[in-house]
Amino acid sequence: MLRSYRYFRRLFFIFFVLLAACERQGNVLSIGFSYHNPDIVYVGGERGSFYKSTDGGNEFVKSETGTTYNIAAIGVNPMLSSVIYVGSYGDSVHRSVDSGLTWNIASRGLDDNVGTQAVNAVVVDPKESRRIYIGTNHGVYVTTDGGSEWTSANTGMANRFVIALALHPEHSEIMVAGTNEGVFITTNATKQWRRTAAASKEWKVNTVKFDPMHPNTIYAGTNKGIFKSTDLGHTWDARNNGIKSLFVSSITFVPEDTMRAYAGNGDGVYKSTDGGSAWTLLENSPTSVLTVAVYPSKPETLFAGTMKGLYKSSDAGAQWRHVKFK
């Protein structure tokens, strides 16, 4: 009798451990969308977790990327959406050519050290999709052959931690990089970088975004809040009205109305309706937000990647639900 009791107790213990493991999603660090199929959403998380949804983000199925490191960045080819690149915190770039079903590592030309192999940002050039940029802990690297060979592109920036990258909406030779020592810009396709403004040297930049409707306008989310430039980074203004915790991890816009913007941080998701002049914390939003994204074809639909998994809102952030992964 005692032996049976111990046996069933062990079974119950194993059951609840497995249940907890299934429920726990952990950090969701990156979100990507297909350019050709608006129903496809990609999510990157802890220990190589990569998930794909084909129904607009209601249900997700896991894909094995081959890495055990956190998926920090997702880049989707705008001309051929079946080609996806992911950057991990520990072993470089992985590439899929079949919409995430299978993966291979694409790291030739990257140094064999954790600083370069830690890929924090991935950007695919929309005008020349075989040109891809990555931001690493040892600067920027570029490929012009779809990821077969990478070369360093750090003149003027040295080997700073590059945490975020963004391409100009109209001129792809212009790019900004968010680093551990401010925002840098290149106007000649990474041949030369310069710091955008001396004041930004004090910032640890977590995200940089161009306003797609006002191409010379840049937003930077930093450890000291949100900064906005309307002159390609020559001058910056703090835009923190309404924000409590100044460590801002993510910024995004409504594509057709960029006066409507969202920002994520430890407090939750903030919303601005006046181009970042003032922000309001959405009352029901999840907390500990790592990344936030607007669904491209449905501007009222938002996704928030957090330390407790993925959340979705279908009403511009008024209500949120926790999305389960399979």
Protein backbone atom coordinates (compact mmCIF):
# COMPACT_ATOMS: atom_id res chain seq x y z
CA MET A 1 0.00 0.00 0.00
CA LEU A 2 2.78 2.41 0.92
CA ARG A 3 4.61 1.51 -2.25
CA SER A 4 1.50 2.25 -4.36
CA TYR A 5 1.04 5.58 -2.61
CA ARG A 6 4.61 6.58 -3.37
CA TYR A 7 4.21 5.46 -6.96
CA PHE A 8 1.09 7.56 -7.57
CA ARG A 9 2.55 10.51 -5.72
CA ARG A 10 5.54 10.36 -8.05
CA LEU A 11 3.22 10.21 -11.08
CA PHE A 12 1.32 13.27 -9.89
CA PHE A 13 4.60 15.10 -9.29
CA ILE A 14 5.82 14.33 -12.81
CA PHE A 15 2.45 15.38 -14.26
CA PHE A 16 2.49 18.77 -12.55
CA VAL A 17 6.13 19.39 -13.52
CA LEU A 18 5.30 18.68 -17.15
CA LEU A 19 2.19 20.85 -16.94
CA ALA A 20 4.20 23.74 -15.52
CA ALA A 21 6.81 23.33 -18.24
CA CYS A 22 4.12 23.47 -20.92
CA GLU A 23 2.50 26.56 -19.41
CA ARG A 24 5.75 28.46 -18.94
CA GLN A 25 6.72 30.33 -22.08
CA GLY A 26 9.48 32.47 -20.67
CA ASN A 27 10.89 35.52 -22.42
CA VAL A 28 9.52 36.44 -25.85
CA LEU A 29 12.26 38.58 -27.39
CA SER A 30 11.38 39.07 -31.05
CA ILE A 31 8.35 39.25 -33.35
CA GLY A 32 8.28 39.15 -37.17
CA PHE A 33 5.69 39.16 -39.94
CA SER A 34 5.46 37.78 -43.45
CA TYR A 35 5.39 40.45 -46.16
CA HIS A 36 3.17 38.40 -48.49
CA ASN A 37 0.83 36.58 -46.12
CA PRO A 38 -0.64 38.79 -43.40
CA ASP A 39 -1.79 35.75 -41.41
CA ILE A 40 1.78 34.56 -40.73
CA VAL A 41 3.43 35.75 -37.51
CA TYR A 42 6.82 34.63 -36.14
CA VAL A 43 7.97 34.75 -32.53
CA GLY A 44 11.43 34.15 -31.05
CA GLY A 45 12.10 33.28 -27.42
CA GLU A 46 14.32 31.47 -24.96
CA ARG A 47 16.67 28.56 -25.68
CA GLY A 48 16.14 28.58 -29.43
CA SER A 49 12.35 28.71 -29.23
CA PHE A 50 10.86 29.81 -32.54
CA TYR A 51 7.11 29.74 -33.17
CA LYS A 52 5.00 30.27 -36.27
CA SER A 53 1.33 31.22 -36.56
CA THR A 54 -0.68 30.92 -39.77
CA ASP A 55 -3.90 32.39 -38.37
CA GLY A 56 -2.86 35.92 -37.44
CA GLY A 57 -1.32 35.07 -34.10
CA ASN A 58 -4.09 33.11 -32.40
CA GLU A 59 -2.22 29.81 -32.29
CA PHE A 60 1.50 29.09 -32.68
CA VAL A 61 3.45 25.93 -33.50
CA LYS A 62 7.10 25.46 -32.53
CA SER A 63 9.93 25.10 -35.05
CA GLU A 64 13.38 23.72 -34.18
CA THR A 65 15.99 26.26 -35.23
CA GLY A 66 18.99 24.22 -34.17
CA THR A 67 20.21 26.68 -31.57
CA THR A 68 19.82 26.51 -27.80
CA TYR A 69 20.39 30.24 -27.37
CA ASN A 70 17.74 32.93 -27.08
CA ILE A 71 16.33 34.19 -30.39
CA ALA A 72 16.95 37.93 -30.16
CA ALA A 73 16.02 39.05 -33.68
CA ILE A 74 13.97 37.97 -36.69
CA GLY A 75 14.47 39.22 -40.26
CA VAL A 76 12.05 38.20 -43.03
CA ASN A 77 12.98 38.56 -46.69
CA PRO A 78 10.56 41.15 -48.12
CA MET A 79 10.76 39.74 -51.65
CA LEU A 80 10.63 36.05 -50.75
CA SER A 81 8.89 35.63 -47.42
CA SER A 82 9.77 31.95 -47.15
CA VAL A 83 13.35 33.06 -46.36
CA ILE A 84 13.83 33.97 -42.69
CA TYR A 85 16.90 34.90 -40.68
CA VAL A 86 17.13 34.72 -36.90
CA GLY A 87 19.88 36.05 -34.68
CA SER A 88 20.68 34.37 -31.38
CA TYR A 89 22.53 35.59 -28.31
CA GLY A 90 25.14 32.86 -28.54
CA ASP A 91 25.71 31.15 -31.87
CA SER A 92 25.23 33.50 -34.75
CA VAL A 93 22.68 33.59 -37.59
CA HIS A 94 20.35 30.78 -38.60
CA ARG A 95 18.53 30.77 -41.94
CA SER A 96 15.40 29.04 -43.19
CA VAL A 97 14.32 28.94 -46.83
CA ASP A 98 11.02 27.13 -46.19
CA SER A 99 9.16 29.47 -43.84
CA GLY A 100 10.72 28.05 -40.72
CA LEU A 101 10.32 24.31 -41.29
CA THR A 102 14.07 23.63 -41.47
CA TRP A 103 17.12 25.70 -40.57
CA ASN A 104 20.86 25.93 -41.21
CA ILE A 105 23.55 28.08 -39.65
CA ALA A 106 24.83 30.97 -41.78
CA SER A 107 27.93 32.35 -40.08
CA ARG A 108 30.87 32.15 -42.47
CA GLY A 109 33.02 35.24 -42.04
CA LEU A 110 31.94 35.92 -38.47
CA ASP A 111 34.67 35.69 -35.84
CA ASP A 112 34.65 32.59 -33.68
CA ASN A 113 33.95 34.36 -30.43
CA VAL A 114 30.83 34.94 -28.41
CA GLY A 115 30.97 38.70 -28.92
CA THR A 116 30.43 38.42 -32.66
CA GLN A 117 28.26 35.33 -32.51
CA ALA A 118 25.80 37.17 -30.22
CA VAL A 119 23.45 38.65 -32.84
CA ASN A 120 21.13 41.29 -31.42
CA ALA A 121 19.56 42.69 -34.61
CA VAL A 122 18.81 41.50 -38.16
CA VAL A 123 17.74 43.81 -41.01
CA VAL A 124 17.04 42.71 -44.59
CA ASP A 125 17.36 45.42 -47.25
CA PRO A 126 13.89 45.69 -48.89
CA LYS A 127 15.39 46.87 -52.20
CA GLU A 128 18.16 44.26 -52.36
CA SER A 129 17.07 41.31 -50.29
CA ARG A 130 20.36 39.43 -50.55
CA ARG A 131 21.91 42.27 -48.55
CA ILE A 132 21.41 41.68 -44.84
CA TYR A 133 22.83 43.53 -41.86
CA ILE A 134 23.33 42.17 -38.37
CA GLY A 135 24.18 43.95 -35.15
CA THR A 136 26.51 42.03 -32.82
CA ASN A 137 28.49 42.60 -29.65
CA HIS A 138 31.44 43.38 -31.94
CA GLY A 139 29.73 45.79 -34.31
CA VAL A 140 27.89 45.54 -37.63
CA TYR A 141 28.36 42.79 -40.22
CA VAL A 142 26.90 42.68 -43.72
CA THR A 143 26.30 40.01 -46.35
CA THR A 144 25.49 40.62 -50.02
CA ASP A 145 24.81 36.99 -50.92
CA GLY A 146 21.92 36.10 -48.67
CA GLY A 147 24.02 35.04 -45.72
CA SER A 148 26.67 32.76 -47.21
CA GLU A 149 29.53 35.15 -46.33
CA TRP A 150 29.69 38.04 -43.84
CA THR A 151 32.12 40.95 -43.60
CA SER A 152 32.72 43.53 -40.90
CA ALA A 153 31.33 47.04 -41.53
CA ASN A 154 32.46 49.06 -38.51
CA THR A 155 34.61 51.92 -39.77
CA GLY A 156 34.02 54.85 -37.46
CA MET A 157 32.16 52.80 -34.86
CA ALA A 158 34.87 50.39 -33.66
CA ASN A 159 33.62 47.20 -32.01
CA ARG A 160 30.78 48.59 -29.93
CA PHE A 161 27.80 46.52 -28.83
CA VAL A 162 25.21 47.04 -31.59
CA ILE A 163 21.83 46.27 -30.09
CA ALA A 164 19.49 47.69 -32.74
CA LEU A 165 19.53 48.56 -36.45
CA ALA A 166 17.13 50.42 -38.74
CA LEU A 167 17.18 51.28 -42.45
CA HIS A 168 15.92 54.59 -43.84
CA PRO A 169 12.45 54.04 -45.42
CA GLU A 170 13.43 55.63 -48.74
CA HIS A 171 17.23 55.50 -48.97
CA SER A 172 18.66 52.14 -47.95
CA GLU A 173 22.22 53.46 -47.95
CA ILE A 174 21.21 55.36 -44.78
CA MET A 175 21.12 53.30 -41.61
CA VAL A 176 21.17 53.96 -37.88
CA ALA A 177 22.63 51.71 -35.20
CA GLY A 178 21.71 51.73 -31.55
CA THR A 179 24.72 50.84 -29.39
CA ASN A 180 25.87 50.76 -25.78
CA GLU A 181 27.32 54.23 -26.41
CA GLY A 182 24.60 56.04 -28.31
CA VAL A 183 23.17 56.19 -31.84
CA PHE A 184 25.43 56.00 -34.90
CA ILE A 185 24.50 56.70 -38.53
CA THR A 186 25.87 55.78 -41.94
CA THR A 187 24.87 57.52 -45.18
CA ASN A 188 26.97 55.37 -47.53
CA ALA A 189 25.80 51.80 -46.86
CA THR A 190 28.08 51.16 -43.84
CA LYS A 191 31.32 52.32 -45.45
CA GLN A 192 31.63 54.93 -42.67
CA TRP A 193 29.77 55.51 -39.39
CA ARG A 194 29.57 58.58 -37.16
CA ARG A 195 27.85 59.31 -33.88
CA THR A 196 24.58 61.17 -34.48
CA ALA A 197 25.05 63.61 -31.58
CA ALA A 198 27.51 63.92 -28.74
CA ALA A 199 24.69 63.73 -26.17
CA SER A 200 23.79 60.21 -27.26
CA LYS A 201 27.11 58.87 -25.98
CA GLU A 202 25.47 58.51 -22.56
CA TRP A 203 22.65 56.32 -23.86
CA LYS A 204 22.44 52.55 -23.90
CA VAL A 205 20.14 52.16 -26.89
CA ASN A 206 17.70 49.25 -26.95
CA THR A 207 15.75 50.11 -30.09
CA VAL A 208 15.90 52.54 -33.04
CA LYS A 209 13.11 53.18 -35.52
CA PHE A 210 12.58 55.46 -38.51
CA ASP A 211 9.13 56.99 -38.83
CA PRO A 212 7.97 55.52 -42.19
CA MET A 213 5.79 58.55 -42.99
CA HIS A 214 8.44 61.12 -41.99
CA PRO A 215 11.66 59.48 -43.21
CA ASN A 216 14.13 61.83 -41.53
CA THR A 217 12.55 61.25 -38.13
CA ILE A 218 14.16 58.70 -35.82
CA TYR A 219 13.07 57.39 -32.44
CA ALA A 220 15.47 55.81 -29.95
CA GLY A 221 14.42 53.81 -26.90
CA THR A 222 17.19 53.92 -24.30
CA ASN A 223 18.06 53.46 -20.64
CA LYS A 224 17.17 57.14 -20.21
CA GLY A 225 13.84 57.06 -21.99
CA ILE A 226 12.66 57.90 -25.49
CA PHE A 227 14.45 60.40 -27.71
CA LYS A 228 13.24 61.76 -31.05
CA SER A 229 15.16 63.41 -33.87
CA THR A 230 13.54 65.09 -36.88
CA ASP A 231 16.80 65.84 -38.71
CA LEU A 232 18.46 62.45 -39.16
CA GLY A 233 20.02 62.48 -35.73
CA HIS A 234 21.76 65.84 -35.73
CA THR A 235 19.65 66.92 -32.75
CA TRP A 236 17.53 64.95 -30.28
CA ASP A 237 14.71 65.81 -27.90
CA ALA A 238 13.60 63.72 -24.92
CA ARG A 239 10.00 62.47 -25.26
CA ASN A 240 9.24 61.00 -21.83
CA ASN A 241 6.06 62.81 -20.82
CA GLY A 242 3.94 60.20 -19.03
CA ILE A 243 6.57 57.46 -18.90
CA LYS A 244 7.45 56.17 -15.43
CA SER A 245 10.33 53.71 -15.93
CA LEU A 246 12.78 55.20 -18.42
CA PHE A 247 14.39 51.95 -19.58
CA VAL A 248 12.49 51.58 -22.89
CA SER A 249 12.95 48.29 -24.71
CA SER A 250 10.78 48.68 -27.82
CA ILE A 251 9.02 51.27 -30.01
CA THR A 252 6.65 50.72 -32.93
CA PHE A 253 4.15 52.67 -35.06
CA VAL A 254 0.79 52.24 -36.73
CA PRO A 255 1.96 52.05 -40.38
CA GLU A 256 -0.60 54.45 -41.92
CA ASP A 257 -0.76 56.83 -38.96
CA THR A 258 2.63 57.21 -37.30
CA MET A 259 1.33 59.80 -34.87
CA ARG A 260 0.03 56.67 -33.13
CA ALA A 261 3.00 54.94 -31.54
CA TYR A 262 3.55 52.29 -28.88
CA ALA A 263 6.46 51.72 -26.53
CA GLY A 264 7.23 48.85 -24.19
CA ASN A 265 9.13 48.69 -20.90
CA GLY A 266 8.90 47.14 -17.46
CA ASP A 267 5.69 49.05 -16.70
CA GLY A 268 3.88 47.63 -19.71
CA VAL A 269 2.79 49.06 -23.06
CA TYR A 270 2.52 52.84 -23.51
CA LYS A 271 0.55 54.57 -26.27
CA SER A 272 1.03 57.96 -27.90
CA THR A 273 -1.40 59.65 -30.28
CA ASP A 274 0.69 62.75 -30.94
CA GLY A 275 3.97 61.46 -32.31
CA GLY A 276 5.56 60.76 -28.95
CA SER A 277 4.95 64.11 -27.27
CA ALA A 278 2.93 62.41 -24.53
CA TRP A 279 2.51 58.78 -23.51
CA THR A 280 -0.22 56.93 -21.62
CA LEU A 281 0.28 53.55 -19.95
CA LEU A 282 -2.40 51.14 -21.17
CA GLU A 283 -4.11 49.99 -18.00
CA ASN A 284 -4.67 46.35 -18.90
CA SER A 285 -1.40 45.76 -20.73
CA PRO A 286 1.03 43.03 -19.68
CA THR A 287 4.12 44.09 -17.74
CA SER A 288 7.83 43.37 -18.26
CA VAL A 289 7.53 44.07 -21.99
CA LEU A 290 10.58 43.22 -24.11
CA THR A 291 9.16 43.88 -27.58
CA VAL A 292 5.94 45.28 -29.03
CA ALA A 293 4.68 45.10 -32.62
CA VAL A 294 1.68 46.27 -34.66
CA TYR A 295 0.05 43.73 -36.96
CA PRO A 296 0.74 45.13 -40.47
CA SER A 297 -2.73 44.72 -42.04
CA LYS A 298 -4.75 45.31 -38.86
CA PRO A 299 -3.50 48.43 -37.06
CA GLU A 300 -5.77 47.81 -34.05
CA THR A 301 -4.01 44.48 -33.39
CA LEU A 302 -0.89 44.51 -31.20
CA PHE A 303 1.52 41.89 -29.93
CA ALA A 304 3.66 42.25 -26.83
CA GLY A 305 6.54 39.91 -26.08
CA THR A 306 7.19 39.81 -22.35
CA MET A 307 9.10 37.93 -19.68
CA LYS A 308 5.96 35.81 -19.23
CA GLY A 309 5.24 34.99 -22.84
CA LEU A 310 3.28 36.53 -25.71
CA TYR A 311 0.18 38.73 -25.40
CA LYS A 312 -2.22 39.92 -28.10
CA SER A 313 -4.66 42.82 -28.22
CA SER A 314 -7.30 43.23 -30.94
CA ASP A 315 -8.56 46.65 -29.80
CA ALA A 316 -5.52 48.95 -29.84
CA GLY A 317 -4.38 47.84 -26.39
CA ALA A 318 -7.59 48.17 -24.39
CA GLN A 319 -7.70 44.43 -23.62
CA TRP A 320 -5.03 41.73 -23.84
CA ARG A 321 -4.97 37.95 -23.80
CA HIS A 322 -2.15 35.52 -23.17
CA VAL A 323 -1.37 33.53 -26.34
CA LYS A 324 -0.62 29.82 -25.80
CA PHE A 325 2.12 28.03 -27.68
CA LYS A 326 1.96 24.38 -28.75
